[in-house]
């Protein structure tokens, strides 16, 4: 995308018309617009869905339900990732970090589209509580961003670390014949590791153990609920 075009958040770049830098109001409006599109399921993917090396096998109804439940949980995770990254990018005053977070958010947006597409293929639906999950993650990202960039990046590292573990468990739990879901989860997991490594390289602080524990508890509540609702 060239400099005269909008950024990943839809904000005009600094080299756009008149060289105007985006205002805080611009950022809030753009973030609100993106939030509505995310929750409405209309955010487009920039890369094609990962393709399995072999065709899917026929799934029993029980296997289909399990695959769909796990992909619904993954879809919720990507809803939360959008909220977290968008809030952090909106609150940072470091333009280089903002661009980095926007790039990561775009990759997560692809994950969101992939999981939504797979849910549709499995004849199932996203979580009915997505607005709640988005609001909670957005609040966390905003609070972390206000505390400081290194703390904000620390949340990225810990979040991605937990997501990596939970995606790894899904590779064990997904039906062996559901190769399409497995290909998506494997690609997502590889990119979550990259996001954590990049945040660590930018100076992320190690979060205190109680904060990590609360994040694990919140994730457990979210994944257990989203598995069913």
Protein backbone atom coordinates (compact mmCIF):
# COMPACT_ATOMS: atom_id res chain seq x y z
CA UNK A 1 0.00 0.00 0.00
CA UNK A 2 1.56 3.33 -1.01
CA UNK A 3 1.93 6.42 1.16
CA UNK A 4 -0.98 8.22 -0.46
CA UNK A 5 -3.34 5.51 0.60
CA UNK A 6 -4.85 4.94 4.01
CA UNK A 7 -3.16 2.87 6.68
CA UNK A 8 -4.44 -0.50 7.85
CA UNK A 9 -6.76 1.33 10.23
CA UNK A 10 -8.16 3.53 7.48
CA UNK A 11 -6.34 6.65 8.77
CA UNK A 12 -4.71 9.00 6.26
CA UNK A 13 -0.95 8.72 6.21
CA UNK A 14 1.31 11.63 7.09
CA UNK A 15 2.21 12.06 3.42
CA UNK A 16 -1.41 12.28 2.33
CA UNK A 17 -3.23 15.41 1.34
CA UNK A 18 -1.63 18.39 3.00
CA UNK A 19 0.67 16.12 5.04
CA UNK A 20 -1.88 16.16 7.85
CA UNK A 21 -1.24 13.79 10.75
CA UNK A 22 -4.29 11.89 12.02
CA UNK A 23 -5.93 13.43 15.07
CA UNK A 24 -7.17 11.55 18.12
CA UNK A 25 -10.71 11.98 16.79
CA UNK A 26 -9.63 10.42 13.48
CA UNK A 27 -8.23 7.45 15.39
CA UNK A 28 -11.40 6.99 17.47
CA UNK A 29 -13.68 7.22 14.42
CA UNK A 30 -11.54 4.81 12.41
CA UNK A 31 -11.34 2.37 15.31
CA UNK A 32 -15.11 2.50 15.82
CA UNK A 33 -15.64 1.85 12.12
CA UNK A 34 -13.30 -1.13 12.20
CA UNK A 35 -14.91 -2.47 15.38
CA UNK A 36 -18.35 -2.47 13.77
CA UNK A 37 -17.03 -4.20 10.65
CA UNK A 38 -15.24 -6.82 12.76
CA UNK A 39 -18.36 -7.63 14.77
CA UNK A 40 -20.52 -7.63 11.64
CA UNK A 41 -18.17 -10.11 9.97
CA UNK A 42 -17.51 -7.98 6.90
CA UNK A 43 -13.78 -7.35 7.36
CA UNK A 44 -12.01 -8.75 4.25
CA UNK A 45 -8.99 -11.05 4.24
CA UNK A 46 -5.78 -9.99 2.49
CA UNK A 47 -4.45 -13.54 2.02
CA UNK A 48 -6.18 -16.73 0.90
CA UNK A 49 -7.20 -19.31 3.46
CA UNK A 50 -4.46 -21.93 4.08
CA UNK A 51 -5.10 -25.06 2.03
CA UNK A 52 -4.65 -28.56 3.44
CA UNK A 53 -2.26 -30.94 1.70
CA UNK A 54 -4.98 -33.60 1.48
CA UNK A 55 -8.77 -33.55 1.15
CA UNK A 56 -10.98 -33.68 4.20
CA UNK A 57 -12.45 -36.98 5.25
CA UNK A 58 -16.16 -37.36 5.95
CA UNK A 59 -16.93 -36.18 9.48
CA UNK A 60 -19.56 -37.69 11.72
CA UNK A 61 -22.08 -35.28 13.24
CA UNK A 62 -20.22 -35.48 16.54
CA UNK A 63 -16.91 -34.70 14.85
CA UNK A 64 -18.45 -31.82 12.91
CA UNK A 65 -19.80 -30.30 16.12
CA UNK A 66 -16.42 -30.63 17.83
CA UNK A 67 -14.56 -29.04 14.91
CA UNK A 68 -17.09 -26.22 14.79
CA UNK A 69 -16.88 -25.61 18.53
CA UNK A 70 -13.09 -25.38 18.39
CA UNK A 71 -13.14 -23.08 15.37
CA UNK A 72 -15.72 -20.91 17.13
CA UNK A 73 -13.32 -20.59 20.07
CA UNK A 74 -10.54 -19.65 17.63
CA UNK A 75 -12.81 -17.10 15.98
CA UNK A 76 -13.48 -15.53 19.39
CA UNK A 77 -9.73 -15.40 19.99
CA UNK A 78 -9.32 -13.43 16.78
CA UNK A 79 -12.16 -11.09 17.74
CA UNK A 80 -10.23 -10.38 20.94
CA UNK A 81 -6.95 -9.99 19.05
CA UNK A 82 -8.52 -7.33 16.82
CA UNK A 83 -9.78 -5.45 19.86
CA UNK A 84 -6.45 -5.70 21.68
CA UNK A 85 -4.27 -4.55 18.77
CA UNK A 86 -6.64 -1.80 17.68
CA UNK A 87 -6.82 -0.36 21.18
CA UNK A 88 -3.05 -0.52 21.60
CA UNK A 89 -2.40 1.11 18.24
CA UNK A 90 -4.87 3.85 19.06
CA UNK A 91 -3.29 4.68 22.43
CA UNK A 92 0.42 4.58 21.54
CA UNK A 93 2.15 7.82 20.57
CA UNK A 94 5.02 5.99 18.89
CA UNK A 95 4.28 6.06 15.16
CA UNK A 96 6.66 3.19 14.39
CA UNK A 97 5.00 1.01 17.03
CA UNK A 98 1.57 1.99 15.73
CA UNK A 99 2.50 0.79 12.26
CA UNK A 100 3.88 -2.44 13.71
CA UNK A 101 0.64 -3.07 15.62
CA UNK A 102 -1.41 -2.28 12.53
CA UNK A 103 0.54 -4.85 10.53
CA UNK A 104 0.02 -7.49 13.22
CA UNK A 105 -3.68 -6.58 13.36
CA UNK A 106 -3.97 -7.17 9.61
CA UNK A 107 -2.54 -10.66 9.98
CA UNK A 108 -4.99 -11.29 12.81
CA UNK A 109 -7.76 -9.98 10.55
CA UNK A 110 -6.87 -12.73 8.09
CA UNK A 111 -7.12 -15.26 10.93
CA UNK A 112 -10.56 -13.88 11.76
CA UNK A 113 -11.71 -14.29 8.15
CA UNK A 114 -10.24 -17.79 7.87
CA UNK A 115 -11.99 -19.04 11.00
CA UNK A 116 -15.29 -17.41 9.94
CA UNK A 117 -15.03 -19.08 6.55
CA UNK A 118 -14.31 -22.46 8.12
CA UNK A 119 -17.24 -22.10 10.53
CA UNK A 120 -19.50 -21.49 7.56
CA UNK A 121 -18.12 -24.57 5.79
CA UNK A 122 -18.89 -26.59 8.92
CA UNK A 123 -22.48 -25.25 8.90
CA UNK A 124 -22.08 -23.49 12.21
CA UNK A 125 -22.00 -19.94 13.59
CA UNK A 126 -19.70 -17.59 15.55
CA UNK A 127 -20.17 -16.97 19.25
CA UNK A 128 -23.30 -15.02 20.17
CA UNK A 129 -21.23 -13.17 22.78
CA UNK A 130 -18.69 -11.64 20.37
CA UNK A 131 -19.58 -8.02 21.31
CA UNK A 132 -18.84 -8.86 24.95
CA UNK A 133 -15.51 -10.49 24.12
CA UNK A 134 -14.52 -7.55 21.90
CA UNK A 135 -15.41 -4.96 24.56
CA UNK A 136 -13.41 -6.75 27.25
CA UNK A 137 -10.29 -7.13 25.12
CA UNK A 138 -10.55 -3.52 23.91
CA UNK A 139 -10.68 -2.30 27.52
CA UNK A 140 -7.57 -4.33 28.37
CA UNK A 141 -5.69 -3.05 25.32
CA UNK A 142 -6.63 0.55 26.08
CA UNK A 143 -5.57 0.29 29.71
CA UNK A 144 -2.26 -1.35 28.77
CA UNK A 145 -1.58 1.30 26.15
CA UNK A 146 -2.18 4.10 28.64
CA UNK A 147 0.24 2.56 31.13
CA UNK A 148 3.03 2.51 28.55
CA UNK A 149 4.28 0.88 25.37
CA UNK A 150 6.50 -1.70 27.06
CA UNK A 151 3.63 -2.88 29.25
CA UNK A 152 1.35 -2.90 26.22
CA UNK A 153 3.85 -5.10 24.39
CA UNK A 154 4.07 -7.30 27.47
CA UNK A 155 0.36 -8.00 27.10
CA UNK A 156 0.97 -8.94 23.47
CA UNK A 157 3.67 -11.43 24.45
CA UNK A 158 1.60 -13.08 27.18
CA UNK A 159 -1.57 -13.14 25.08
CA UNK A 160 0.20 -14.73 22.13
CA UNK A 161 1.96 -17.21 24.41
CA UNK A 162 -1.40 -18.37 25.76
CA UNK A 163 -2.97 -18.42 22.30
CA UNK A 164 -0.10 -20.54 20.98
CA UNK A 165 -0.67 -23.10 23.76
CA UNK A 166 -4.38 -23.21 23.14
CA UNK A 167 -3.98 -23.61 19.36
CA UNK A 168 -1.50 -26.42 19.94
CA UNK A 169 -4.11 -28.20 22.06
CA UNK A 170 -6.63 -27.79 19.24
CA UNK A 171 -4.33 -29.64 16.86
CA UNK A 172 -4.66 -32.57 19.26
CA UNK A 173 -8.41 -32.23 19.73
CA UNK A 174 -9.52 -31.63 16.13
CA UNK A 175 -10.77 -34.73 14.31
CA UNK A 176 -7.94 -36.40 12.39
CA UNK A 177 -9.86 -36.13 9.13
CA UNK A 178 -10.55 -32.39 9.39
CA UNK A 179 -7.48 -31.35 7.44
CA UNK A 180 -8.87 -27.93 6.48
CA UNK A 181 -9.27 -26.81 10.09
CA UNK A 182 -5.86 -28.21 10.94
CA UNK A 183 -4.18 -26.23 8.14
CA UNK A 184 -5.78 -23.01 9.38
CA UNK A 185 -4.85 -23.61 13.01
CA UNK A 186 -1.24 -24.51 12.14
CA UNK A 187 -0.76 -21.30 10.12
CA UNK A 188 -2.35 -19.20 12.84
CA UNK A 189 -0.12 -20.75 15.49
CA UNK A 190 3.06 -20.01 13.51
CA UNK A 191 2.08 -16.35 13.13
CA UNK A 192 1.11 -15.95 16.80
CA UNK A 193 4.64 -17.06 17.71
CA UNK A 194 6.05 -14.42 15.34
CA UNK A 195 3.91 -11.72 16.95
CA UNK A 196 5.14 -12.65 20.42
CA UNK A 197 8.77 -12.69 19.27
CA UNK A 198 8.40 -9.29 17.58
CA UNK A 199 6.84 -7.74 20.70
CA UNK A 200 9.60 -9.16 22.87
CA UNK A 201 12.24 -7.76 20.52
CA UNK A 202 10.66 -4.30 20.85
CA UNK A 203 11.19 -4.24 24.60
CA UNK A 204 8.12 -5.92 26.09
CA UNK A 205 8.24 -6.22 29.87
CA UNK A 206 7.51 -9.50 31.63
CA UNK A 207 4.12 -9.16 33.27
CA UNK A 208 3.75 -9.99 36.98
CA UNK A 209 2.58 -13.52 37.80
CA UNK A 210 -0.80 -12.36 39.21
CA UNK A 211 -1.58 -10.54 35.95
CA UNK A 212 -0.69 -13.63 33.92
CA UNK A 213 -2.90 -15.71 36.19
CA UNK A 214 -5.84 -13.37 35.71
CA UNK A 215 -5.33 -13.48 31.93
CA UNK A 216 -5.34 -17.30 32.00
CA UNK A 217 -8.52 -17.29 34.09
CA UNK A 218 -10.24 -14.85 31.72
CA UNK A 219 -9.14 -16.95 28.73
CA UNK A 220 -10.51 -20.09 30.39
CA UNK A 221 -13.89 -18.46 30.94
CA UNK A 222 -13.94 -17.20 27.37
CA UNK A 223 -12.95 -20.48 25.70
CA UNK A 224 -15.28 -22.60 27.83
CA UNK A 225 -18.23 -20.29 27.13
CA UNK A 226 -17.49 -19.81 23.43
CA UNK A 227 -17.22 -23.58 22.94
CA UNK A 228 -20.98 -23.72 23.54
CA UNK A 229 -22.41 -20.22 22.97
